[in-house]
Amino acid sequence: MHKLIKNEFIKLHYRKKFIITIIIFALICGLFSFAYSKIQSLSTPDAQINLLNKSKAELQREKNATSDNTKKQQLEQSISELDNEIDQLKTKKQTSNSKDWKTTLKNNIDTLRDQKNSATDISPDNAKENYNKQIIFYQYFIDHNIKPQTNGTFSAFNFLQALFKLLGPLFIPIIIAILSADIVSGEYTPPTMKMLLTRPASRGKILVSKFVTILVSSMIIITVIELISYLVMGIIYGFDNPMYPVLVGTKYTSSAIKLTQDSTGLIPVLGSSHVTTTWSFIIQMFLFQLLYILACCSLFILFSTILRSSSISMTLSILITIVVNILSSISYLAKASPFFFTTYGSTSSILDSSIIESAGVTYITPLFSCLFLVIFAAICYSIAAYVFQKKDINI
């Protein structure tokens, strides 16, 4: 069996598309890293103050150049509003740099407790758990003596979350589709399948060797490049405190009132949320992504087994990925999104339960997601194995 797997690894790794795929995926991660760092640099308080000062100077020049008193008054009002925004940002910056941040958090907690006690808990906007989450979040900082990050501060952890959300639903399935499209169908042109089947190995072992090859290769390529991106950004901008808190575990139930037509009508269950650490959340994201890669590999090897043409197999795999992503974005199909495999590409949304709010269903928990991906992978591979066993090899 190990010789079959070794042979498949050699065949895959010596194909030009293998190297090209790695380069493309690395470039996507690199471009996103560059774009993310630029966006973050513009969101710092200093950058925002600088932009507001430029806008203020432009309005001042326009005011000096006009003789219309009405327009001057309007421009003065706009300048005054910009001054207020600049003062707020400066105050916020001074507060964030204050050594007395614990007192500020304690005051915030007292305010949140009052709001929680007065909340009706009958609508999403007035749910007690929304206040409770902030309370336990702030309390964690105080208990563990961790100073909260200020808005605009670069976070390697937030970068990694954003990278997973970008890659998971679309790019990871496409990368796997390109790698696996000809893993079986490629044996028909040129006709090497008949020679492969003359070896003393069952069809089941041959398919397993191909599946293991594409699965392990995909996991290594995707995980290593993501880790490199995370490490590079962390080295340049600094890593987060590994004990920094992340809110997870929030459960939801149907509310008594739907405030708007587009509202999901779900409210968080009081006491369901808890805090985990950044390092634990990162490990869970990577482990969950491995399950997602397993599901993608199973689906695309099914296409490669059913279809004799590598180009058709690749085209169909990519097309289905794009179509499913489009269907997932349609609001009317939101409740069906738990049964679209690309839904589970955004691993952080699953783990922090934010996907429940967007989908409007209460059962997309991490446990449900794991079970779905495992069952989905098992069904796809079982069908592929059955088809491969029964396939008539006429070459």
Protein backbone atom coordinates (compact mmCIF):
# COMPACT_ATOMS: atom_id res chain seq x y z
CA MET A 1 0.00 0.00 0.00
CA HIS A 2 2.78 2.44 0.92
CA LYS A 3 4.42 1.86 -2.48
CA LEU A 4 1.20 2.85 -4.22
CA ILE A 5 0.96 6.01 -2.13
CA LYS A 6 4.64 6.82 -2.76
CA ASN A 7 4.12 6.34 -6.49
CA GLU A 8 1.09 8.67 -6.46
CA PHE A 9 3.05 11.33 -4.55
CA ILE A 10 5.83 11.17 -7.12
CA LYS A 11 3.38 11.48 -10.03
CA LEU A 12 1.56 14.42 -8.43
CA HIS A 13 4.63 16.35 -7.30
CA TYR A 14 6.34 16.12 -10.70
CA ARG A 15 3.40 17.65 -12.54
CA LYS A 16 3.80 21.29 -13.59
CA LYS A 17 0.37 22.20 -12.25
CA PHE A 18 1.47 21.16 -8.74
CA ILE A 19 4.18 23.84 -8.65
CA ILE A 20 1.96 26.38 -10.41
CA THR A 21 -0.84 25.78 -7.89
CA ILE A 22 1.52 26.35 -4.96
CA ILE A 23 2.79 29.59 -6.51
CA ILE A 24 -0.76 30.85 -7.20
CA PHE A 25 -1.93 30.06 -3.66
CA ALA A 26 1.16 31.69 -2.16
CA LEU A 27 0.61 34.80 -4.30
CA ILE A 28 -3.03 35.04 -3.16
CA CYS A 29 -1.94 34.88 0.48
CA GLY A 30 0.87 37.35 -0.14
CA LEU A 31 -1.36 39.89 -1.89
CA PHE A 32 -3.98 39.62 0.83
CA SER A 33 -1.32 40.09 3.52
CA PHE A 34 -0.11 43.27 1.80
CA ALA A 35 -3.64 44.62 1.34
CA TYR A 36 -4.61 43.81 4.93
CA SER A 37 -1.56 45.58 6.36
CA LYS A 38 -2.32 48.67 4.25
CA ILE A 39 -5.95 48.74 5.37
CA GLN A 40 -4.93 48.33 9.01
CA SER A 41 -2.41 51.16 8.75
CA LEU A 42 -5.23 53.48 7.63
CA SER A 43 -7.49 52.52 10.53
CA THR A 44 -5.23 53.64 13.37
CA PRO A 45 -6.29 56.74 15.37
CA ASP A 46 -3.26 58.68 14.07
CA ALA A 47 -4.09 57.83 10.45
CA GLN A 48 -7.74 58.78 10.94
CA ILE A 49 -6.77 62.09 12.60
CA ASN A 50 -4.42 62.81 9.70
CA LEU A 51 -7.17 62.17 7.14
CA LEU A 52 -9.63 64.35 9.06
CA ASN A 53 -7.08 67.17 9.26
CA LYS A 54 -6.60 66.99 5.49
CA SER A 55 -10.36 67.16 4.96
CA LYS A 56 -10.56 70.07 7.38
CA ALA A 57 -7.81 71.96 5.53
CA GLU A 58 -9.62 71.42 2.23
CA LEU A 59 -12.90 72.74 3.68
CA GLN A 60 -11.04 75.71 5.16
CA ARG A 61 -9.59 76.61 1.75
CA GLU A 62 -13.02 76.28 0.18
CA LYS A 63 -14.49 78.53 2.88
CA ASN A 64 -11.84 81.21 2.34
CA ALA A 65 -12.43 81.14 -1.41
CA THR A 66 -16.21 81.62 -1.31
CA SER A 67 -18.16 84.83 -0.82
CA ASP A 68 -21.53 83.12 -0.29
CA ASN A 69 -22.42 83.57 3.40
CA THR A 70 -24.83 80.60 3.41
CA LYS A 71 -22.17 78.31 2.00
CA LYS A 72 -19.64 79.70 4.50
CA GLN A 73 -21.96 78.78 7.37
CA GLN A 74 -22.39 75.26 5.97
CA LEU A 75 -18.63 74.88 5.62
CA GLU A 76 -18.10 76.16 9.17
CA GLN A 77 -20.58 73.58 10.42
CA SER A 78 -18.72 70.83 8.57
CA ILE A 79 -15.38 72.03 9.96
CA SER A 80 -16.85 72.08 13.47
CA GLU A 81 -18.06 68.48 13.06
CA LEU A 82 -14.59 67.42 11.91
CA ASP A 83 -13.07 69.15 14.95
CA ASN A 84 -15.40 67.14 17.20
CA GLU A 85 -14.38 63.89 15.50
CA ILE A 86 -10.70 64.78 15.86
CA ASP A 87 -11.17 65.59 19.56
CA GLN A 88 -12.99 62.29 20.12
CA LEU A 89 -10.16 60.35 18.44
CA LYS A 90 -7.54 62.16 20.50
CA THR A 91 -9.48 61.48 23.70
CA LYS A 92 -9.89 57.83 22.73
CA LYS A 93 -6.17 57.59 22.02
CA GLN A 94 -5.28 59.11 25.39
CA THR A 95 -7.72 56.80 27.17
CA SER A 96 -6.29 53.72 25.46
CA ASN A 97 -2.78 54.74 26.52
CA SER A 98 -3.89 55.37 30.09
CA LYS A 99 -2.43 53.18 32.80
CA ASP A 100 -5.77 53.19 34.59
CA TRP A 101 -7.47 50.96 32.01
CA LYS A 102 -8.77 48.57 34.68
CA THR A 103 -10.86 51.32 36.25
CA THR A 104 -12.30 52.16 32.85
CA LEU A 105 -13.23 48.50 32.28
CA LYS A 106 -14.81 48.22 35.73
CA ASN A 107 -16.95 51.28 35.03
CA ASN A 108 -17.96 49.78 31.68
CA ILE A 109 -18.88 46.51 33.40
CA ASP A 110 -21.09 48.35 35.93
CA THR A 111 -22.85 50.16 33.08
CA LEU A 112 -23.32 46.93 31.14
CA ARG A 113 -24.78 45.18 34.20
CA ASP A 114 -27.37 47.94 34.56
CA GLN A 115 -28.23 47.61 30.86
CA LYS A 116 -28.40 43.84 31.17
CA ASN A 117 -30.81 44.04 34.12
CA SER A 118 -33.11 46.37 32.20
CA ALA A 119 -32.98 44.36 28.94
CA THR A 120 -36.26 42.66 27.96
CA ASP A 121 -34.58 39.68 26.27
CA ILE A 122 -37.37 39.41 23.69
CA SER A 123 -35.56 40.80 20.63
CA PRO A 124 -32.04 40.52 19.17
CA ASP A 125 -31.27 44.18 19.91
CA ASN A 126 -32.32 43.90 23.53
CA ALA A 127 -30.98 40.48 24.50
CA LYS A 128 -29.41 40.05 27.92
CA GLU A 129 -26.66 37.81 26.56
CA ASN A 130 -25.32 40.60 24.33
CA TYR A 131 -24.50 42.56 27.47
CA ASN A 132 -23.39 39.44 29.32
CA LYS A 133 -20.82 38.66 26.60
CA GLN A 134 -19.22 42.05 26.96
CA ILE A 135 -19.19 41.70 30.75
CA ILE A 136 -17.34 38.36 30.77
CA PHE A 137 -15.05 39.66 28.02
CA TYR A 138 -14.03 42.74 30.02
CA GLN A 139 -13.85 40.76 33.26
CA TYR A 140 -11.35 38.37 31.63
CA PHE A 141 -8.97 41.29 30.95
CA ILE A 142 -9.14 42.36 34.59
CA ASP A 143 -8.75 38.83 36.00
CA HIS A 144 -5.77 38.01 33.77
CA ASN A 145 -4.19 41.48 33.81
CA ILE A 146 -4.31 41.79 30.00
CA LYS A 147 -4.65 45.26 28.52
CA PRO A 148 -7.29 45.38 25.74
CA GLN A 149 -6.16 46.16 22.22
CA THR A 150 -7.11 49.55 20.85
CA ASN A 151 -9.05 49.91 17.61
CA GLY A 152 -6.72 50.06 14.64
CA THR A 153 -3.96 48.09 16.37
CA PHE A 154 -2.63 45.39 14.03
CA SER A 155 -3.58 41.92 15.21
CA ALA A 156 -1.95 38.85 13.68
CA PHE A 157 -4.87 36.82 15.00
CA ASN A 158 -7.44 39.05 13.26
CA PHE A 159 -5.34 38.79 10.10
CA LEU A 160 -5.44 35.00 10.27
CA GLN A 161 -9.21 35.03 10.77
CA ALA A 162 -9.63 37.32 7.77
CA LEU A 163 -7.33 35.11 5.69
CA PHE A 164 -9.39 32.01 6.53
CA LYS A 165 -12.62 33.83 5.61
CA LEU A 166 -11.15 34.86 2.26
CA LEU A 167 -9.64 31.51 1.33
CA GLY A 168 -12.08 29.01 2.82
CA PRO A 169 -15.31 29.30 0.81
CA LEU A 170 -13.78 29.83 -2.65
CA PHE A 171 -10.01 29.60 -3.06
CA ILE A 172 -9.33 26.44 -1.06
CA PRO A 173 -11.92 24.35 -2.99
CA ILE A 174 -10.59 25.70 -6.30
CA ILE A 175 -6.98 24.88 -5.35
CA ILE A 176 -8.01 21.35 -4.34
CA ALA A 177 -10.11 20.99 -7.51
CA ILE A 178 -7.09 21.85 -9.67
CA LEU A 179 -4.88 19.40 -7.80
CA SER A 180 -7.36 16.51 -7.78
CA ALA A 181 -9.15 16.95 -11.12
CA ASP A 182 -6.97 14.41 -12.93
CA ILE A 183 -5.99 12.23 -9.99
CA VAL A 184 -8.17 9.46 -11.44
CA SER A 185 -9.43 10.77 -14.78
CA GLY A 186 -5.86 11.64 -15.78
CA GLU A 187 -5.08 7.92 -15.93
CA TYR A 188 -7.34 7.57 -18.98
CA THR A 189 -5.47 10.08 -21.16
CA PRO A 190 -2.78 8.88 -21.63
CA PRO A 191 -4.15 5.38 -20.99
CA THR A 192 -2.17 4.37 -17.89
CA MET A 193 -5.13 3.05 -15.86
CA LYS A 194 -5.07 -0.38 -17.50
CA MET A 195 -1.36 -0.74 -16.67
CA LEU A 196 -2.03 0.40 -13.10
CA LEU A 197 -4.79 -2.20 -12.66
CA THR A 198 -2.49 -5.02 -13.82
CA ARG A 199 -0.46 -4.57 -10.65
CA PRO A 200 -1.18 -6.88 -7.69
CA ALA A 201 -3.34 -4.31 -5.93
CA SER A 202 -7.10 -4.06 -5.62
CA ARG A 203 -9.05 -1.17 -7.08
CA GLY A 204 -9.94 -0.14 -3.53
CA LYS A 205 -6.26 0.25 -2.60
CA ILE A 206 -5.52 2.16 -5.78
CA LEU A 207 -8.29 4.67 -5.04
CA VAL A 208 -7.25 4.96 -1.39
CA SER A 209 -3.66 5.71 -2.44
CA LYS A 210 -4.86 8.46 -4.77
CA PHE A 211 -7.17 9.90 -2.12
CA VAL A 212 -4.49 9.89 0.59
CA THR A 213 -2.05 11.56 -1.80
CA ILE A 214 -4.35 14.41 -2.73
CA LEU A 215 -5.59 14.82 0.86
CA VAL A 216 -2.14 14.99 2.46
CA SER A 217 -0.74 17.19 -0.31
CA SER A 218 -3.64 19.64 -0.04
CA MET A 219 -3.39 19.79 3.75
CA ILE A 220 0.34 20.45 3.66
CA ILE A 221 0.22 23.09 0.89
CA ILE A 222 -2.68 25.04 2.36
CA THR A 223 -1.67 24.83 6.03
CA VAL A 224 2.03 25.60 5.48
CA ILE A 225 1.39 28.65 3.28
CA GLU A 226 -1.21 29.99 5.73
CA LEU A 227 1.17 29.47 8.65
CA ILE A 228 3.99 31.20 6.79
CA SER A 229 1.70 34.18 6.07
CA TYR A 230 0.69 34.33 9.74
CA LEU A 231 4.29 34.06 10.97
CA VAL A 232 5.58 36.71 8.55
CA MET A 233 2.85 39.16 9.53
CA GLY A 234 3.44 38.37 13.20
CA ILE A 235 7.19 38.91 12.89
CA ILE A 236 6.71 42.24 11.09
CA TYR A 237 3.88 43.66 13.21
CA GLY A 238 4.07 41.55 16.37
CA PHE A 239 2.11 38.57 17.65
CA ASP A 240 -0.92 38.77 19.90
CA ASN A 241 -0.87 37.72 23.52
CA PRO A 242 -1.63 33.96 23.29
CA MET A 243 -3.92 34.34 26.31
CA TYR A 244 -5.95 37.13 24.71
CA PRO A 245 -9.68 36.29 25.02
CA VAL A 246 -12.03 35.19 22.24
CA LEU A 247 -15.78 34.82 22.80
CA VAL A 248 -17.19 31.47 21.68
CA GLY A 249 -20.00 29.02 22.36
CA THR A 250 -22.97 31.36 21.99
CA LYS A 251 -26.23 29.49 21.46
CA TYR A 252 -29.36 31.00 19.96
CA THR A 253 -33.10 30.60 20.21
CA SER A 254 -36.07 32.13 18.38
CA SER A 255 -37.17 35.50 19.70
CA ALA A 256 -40.72 36.64 20.26
CA ILE A 257 -40.34 39.65 17.96
CA LYS A 258 -38.83 40.20 14.50
CA LEU A 259 -37.89 43.87 14.32
CA THR A 260 -37.43 43.90 10.53
CA GLN A 261 -38.32 41.68 7.62
CA ASP A 262 -34.66 40.79 7.09
CA SER A 263 -34.11 39.99 10.77
CA THR A 264 -33.30 36.37 11.61
CA GLY A 265 -35.45 36.60 14.74
CA LEU A 266 -32.80 34.86 16.85
CA ILE A 267 -31.55 35.95 20.26
CA PRO A 268 -28.51 34.59 22.12
CA VAL A 269 -29.25 32.31 25.06
CA LEU A 270 -28.31 33.88 28.39
CA GLY A 271 -25.18 32.32 29.89
CA SER A 272 -24.26 30.26 26.81
CA SER A 273 -21.15 32.26 25.85
CA HIS A 274 -17.72 31.66 27.30
CA VAL A 275 -14.15 32.80 26.72
CA THR A 276 -11.34 30.82 25.12
CA THR A 277 -7.78 31.91 24.44
CA THR A 278 -6.30 33.07 21.14
CA TRP A 279 -3.87 30.17 20.88
CA SER A 280 -6.64 27.65 21.48
CA PHE A 281 -8.89 29.30 18.90
CA ILE A 282 -6.10 29.28 16.27
CA ILE A 283 -5.48 25.56 16.80
CA GLN A 284 -9.22 24.86 16.51
CA MET A 285 -9.38 26.88 13.28
CA PHE A 286 -6.60 24.83 11.69
CA LEU A 287 -8.04 21.50 12.87
CA PHE A 288 -11.48 22.44 11.59
CA GLN A 289 -9.98 23.47 8.26
CA LEU A 290 -8.42 20.02 7.92
CA LEU A 291 -11.93 18.54 8.10
CA TYR A 292 -13.06 21.02 5.46
CA ILE A 293 -10.17 19.99 3.20
CA LEU A 294 -11.17 16.34 3.73
CA ALA A 295 -14.71 17.10 2.53
CA CYS A 296 -13.45 19.01 -0.53
CA CYS A 297 -11.02 16.25 -1.49
CA SER A 298 -13.76 13.62 -1.21
CA LEU A 299 -16.12 15.60 -3.44
CA PHE A 300 -13.56 16.36 -6.13
CA ILE A 301 -12.14 12.84 -6.25
CA LEU A 302 -15.73 11.71 -6.84
CA PHE A 303 -15.90 13.95 -9.93
CA SER A 304 -12.49 12.72 -11.07
CA THR A 305 -13.66 9.11 -10.71
CA ILE A 306 -16.98 9.56 -12.51
CA LEU A 307 -15.62 11.63 -15.41
CA ARG A 308 -13.02 10.40 -17.87
CA SER A 309 -11.94 13.85 -18.96
CA SER A 310 -9.59 15.79 -16.65
CA SER A 311 -10.62 19.13 -18.15
CA ILE A 312 -14.33 18.41 -17.63
CA SER A 313 -13.65 17.22 -14.09
CA MET A 314 -11.72 20.41 -13.25
CA THR A 315 -14.27 22.67 -14.92
CA LEU A 316 -17.19 21.02 -13.14
CA SER A 317 -15.43 21.16 -9.76
CA ILE A 318 -14.61 24.85 -10.08
CA LEU A 319 -18.05 25.67 -11.50
CA ILE A 320 -19.84 23.92 -8.63
CA THR A 321 -17.69 25.76 -6.08
CA ILE A 322 -18.56 29.12 -7.65
CA VAL A 323 -22.27 28.29 -8.01
CA VAL A 324 -22.55 27.08 -4.41
CA ASN A 325 -20.88 30.28 -3.19
CA ILE A 326 -23.36 32.34 -5.20
CA LEU A 327 -26.31 30.35 -3.83
CA SER A 328 -24.98 30.82 -0.29
CA SER A 329 -25.05 34.59 -0.73
CA ILE A 330 -28.75 34.65 -1.68
CA SER A 331 -30.77 35.69 1.37
CA TYR A 332 -33.74 33.50 0.45
CA LEU A 333 -31.47 30.43 0.59
CA ALA A 334 -29.80 31.35 3.88
CA LYS A 335 -31.55 28.59 5.80
CA ALA A 336 -30.22 26.03 3.29
CA SER A 337 -26.62 27.20 3.74
CA PRO A 338 -25.83 24.54 6.40
CA PHE A 339 -26.04 21.98 3.57
CA PHE A 340 -23.64 23.82 1.24
CA PHE A 341 -20.13 22.47 1.82
CA THR A 342 -18.51 25.89 1.19
CA THR A 343 -20.35 27.28 4.22
CA TYR A 344 -17.79 25.54 6.42
CA GLY A 345 -14.82 27.21 4.74
CA SER A 346 -15.08 30.17 7.12
CA THR A 347 -13.94 28.22 10.15
CA SER A 348 -13.83 31.16 12.56
CA SER A 349 -17.50 31.97 11.84
CA ILE A 350 -18.41 28.42 12.83
CA LEU A 351 -16.34 28.48 16.01
CA ASP A 352 -17.53 31.86 17.27
CA SER A 353 -21.17 31.13 16.24
CA SER A 354 -21.45 34.26 14.09
CA ILE A 355 -22.64 32.09 11.19
CA ILE A 356 -25.82 31.30 13.14
CA GLU A 357 -26.85 34.95 13.00
CA SER A 358 -26.17 35.25 9.27
CA ALA A 359 -27.86 31.96 8.35
CA GLY A 360 -30.80 32.35 10.72
CA VAL A 361 -30.68 28.74 11.97
CA THR A 362 -29.76 27.65 15.47
CA TYR A 363 -28.13 24.27 14.84
CA ILE A 364 -24.91 25.22 13.00
CA THR A 365 -22.76 24.48 16.03
CA PRO A 366 -19.14 23.29 15.78
CA LEU A 367 -20.34 19.75 16.60
CA PHE A 368 -22.97 19.79 13.85
CA SER A 369 -20.40 21.20 11.43
CA CYS A 370 -17.88 18.45 12.20
CA LEU A 371 -20.51 15.74 11.79
CA PHE A 372 -21.74 17.25 8.52
CA LEU A 373 -18.23 17.43 7.02
CA VAL A 374 -17.37 13.86 8.08
CA ILE A 375 -20.66 12.44 6.76
CA PHE A 376 -20.39 14.49 3.55
CA ALA A 377 -16.83 13.22 2.98
CA ALA A 378 -17.83 9.63 3.73
CA ILE A 379 -20.77 9.73 1.29
CA CYS A 380 -18.70 11.27 -1.52
CA TYR A 381 -15.83 8.81 -1.07
CA SER A 382 -18.17 5.83 -0.79
CA ILE A 383 -19.85 6.75 -4.09
CA ALA A 384 -16.42 7.26 -5.70
CA ALA A 385 -15.24 3.85 -4.43
CA TYR A 386 -18.39 2.13 -5.71
CA VAL A 387 -18.12 3.78 -9.13
CA PHE A 388 -14.42 2.94 -9.39
CA GLN A 389 -15.05 -0.69 -8.45
CA LYS A 390 -17.81 -1.06 -11.06
CA LYS A 391 -16.18 1.08 -13.76
CA ASP A 392 -15.53 -0.73 -17.00
CA ILE A 393 -11.96 0.11 -18.03
CA ASN A 394 -12.10 0.13 -21.83
CA ILE A 395 -9.04 1.91 -23.08
